[in-house]
Every structure is written in C-alpha cells, then in structure tokens.
Amino acid sequence: MPESAREVFVAVQRNGDGDLTSFKTSSGRVLNYEEALREVQAGAIAGVNAFKGKDGGTYLRGDADGDPTNNLDALPTF
C-alpha cells in the first residue's frame, strides 16, 4: 500500500497506568490496541511498527525518525 494511502495515528487513549489502550486514525476510526496491532502488522498504518518485547509480547512504537513530537506517547489524547 503506498505511504500516501495509509492512515496514521493522530490521538491515543491511556489507561490509569498510562499505558496506551486505543488509537484514533487520520480517518477518524478508533482502534483498540489489538486492532491497531493487527493493522500495523498488515501495513495499513504508516509511521508505526510492531516489535517483540523482552517478555515475548508484541507492542507498537513509532518509527524512529528523529522527531520526538510524532512518537505515540506524544500524541494528544481523545
């Protein structure tokens, strides 16, 4: 899928511990963490990648592009 056709995350929701739980896309869709993970792994979301943590779980993080303002933790909440 071309980069220009892919959605991006524009806002996030967090739980009481500050962990990311939901993501709002540039088209206005709201995805829970598992849905977001599947879409990132399928290549439908730009600027984010999935990685295996030390605990064996798979997690989301923003692509390393040197711009801290577009990291997932820096996105506004909704």
Protein backbone atom coordinates (compact mmCIF):
# COMPACT_ATOMS: atom_id res chain seq x y z
CA MET A 1 0.00 0.00 0.00
CA PRO A 2 1.51 3.40 -0.93
CA GLU A 3 2.52 5.58 2.01
CA SER A 4 0.04 8.29 0.97
CA ALA A 5 -2.87 5.80 1.07
CA ARG A 6 -2.11 4.61 4.60
CA GLU A 7 -3.71 6.06 7.71
CA VAL A 8 -1.71 7.45 10.61
CA PHE A 9 -2.48 7.61 14.31
CA VAL A 10 -3.48 11.13 15.38
CA ALA A 11 -4.54 10.61 19.02
CA VAL A 12 -4.44 7.99 21.77
CA GLN A 13 -6.26 6.88 24.92
CA ARG A 14 -4.49 5.63 28.03
CA ASN A 15 -5.49 3.52 31.00
CA GLY A 16 -4.94 4.54 34.62
CA ASP A 17 -1.33 3.32 34.46
CA GLY A 18 -0.59 5.50 31.43
CA ASP A 19 -0.44 2.56 29.02
CA LEU A 20 -1.78 3.17 25.51
CA THR A 21 -5.11 1.38 25.04
CA SER A 22 -6.78 2.89 21.95
CA PHE A 23 -5.78 4.84 18.86
CA LYS A 24 -7.65 7.30 16.65
CA THR A 25 -6.66 7.24 12.98
CA SER A 26 -6.47 10.07 10.49
CA SER A 27 -9.82 8.93 9.05
CA GLY A 28 -11.47 9.09 12.50
CA ARG A 29 -11.60 5.37 13.21
CA VAL A 30 -10.94 4.28 16.80
CA LEU A 31 -8.98 1.03 17.23
CA ASN A 32 -8.29 -0.82 20.45
CA TYR A 33 -4.69 -1.96 20.99
CA GLU A 34 -5.16 -5.40 19.42
CA GLU A 35 -6.95 -3.98 16.36
CA ALA A 36 -4.23 -1.35 15.97
CA LEU A 37 -1.52 -4.01 16.26
CA ARG A 38 -3.15 -6.12 13.52
CA GLU A 39 -3.50 -3.12 11.20
CA VAL A 40 0.11 -2.03 11.75
CA GLN A 41 1.32 -5.58 11.06
CA ALA A 42 -0.79 -5.64 7.88
CA GLY A 43 0.84 -2.41 6.68
CA ALA A 44 -2.34 -0.31 6.84
CA ILE A 45 -0.94 2.30 9.28
CA ALA A 46 2.06 4.49 8.46
CA GLY A 47 4.70 5.72 10.91
CA VAL A 48 4.34 2.86 13.39
CA ASN A 49 5.89 -0.59 13.70
CA ALA A 50 5.36 -3.69 15.82
CA PHE A 51 8.20 -5.18 17.84
CA LYS A 52 8.73 -8.13 20.18
CA GLY A 53 9.37 -7.10 23.77
CA LYS A 54 11.73 -8.88 26.15
CA ASP A 55 8.67 -10.52 27.71
CA GLY A 56 7.72 -12.07 24.35
CA GLY A 57 4.73 -9.79 23.79
CA THR A 58 4.27 -7.74 20.63
CA TYR A 59 4.00 -3.97 21.05
CA LEU A 60 3.59 -0.82 18.98
CA ARG A 61 6.05 2.04 18.67
CA GLY A 62 6.53 4.97 16.36
CA ASP A 63 9.11 4.66 13.62
CA ALA A 64 12.49 6.06 14.60
CA ASP A 65 12.68 9.22 12.54
CA GLY A 66 14.42 11.57 14.97
CA ASP A 67 11.25 13.62 15.56
CA PRO A 68 10.02 13.09 19.16
CA THR A 69 6.83 15.07 18.52
CA ASN A 70 5.28 12.25 16.49
CA ASN A 71 6.06 9.45 18.94
CA LEU A 72 2.97 7.59 20.13
CA ASP A 73 3.45 8.91 23.68
CA ALA A 74 3.48 12.50 22.37
CA LEU A 75 0.14 12.24 20.55
CA PRO A 76 -2.83 14.08 22.08
CA THR A 77 -5.49 12.14 23.96
CA PHE A 78 -9.11 11.82 22.87
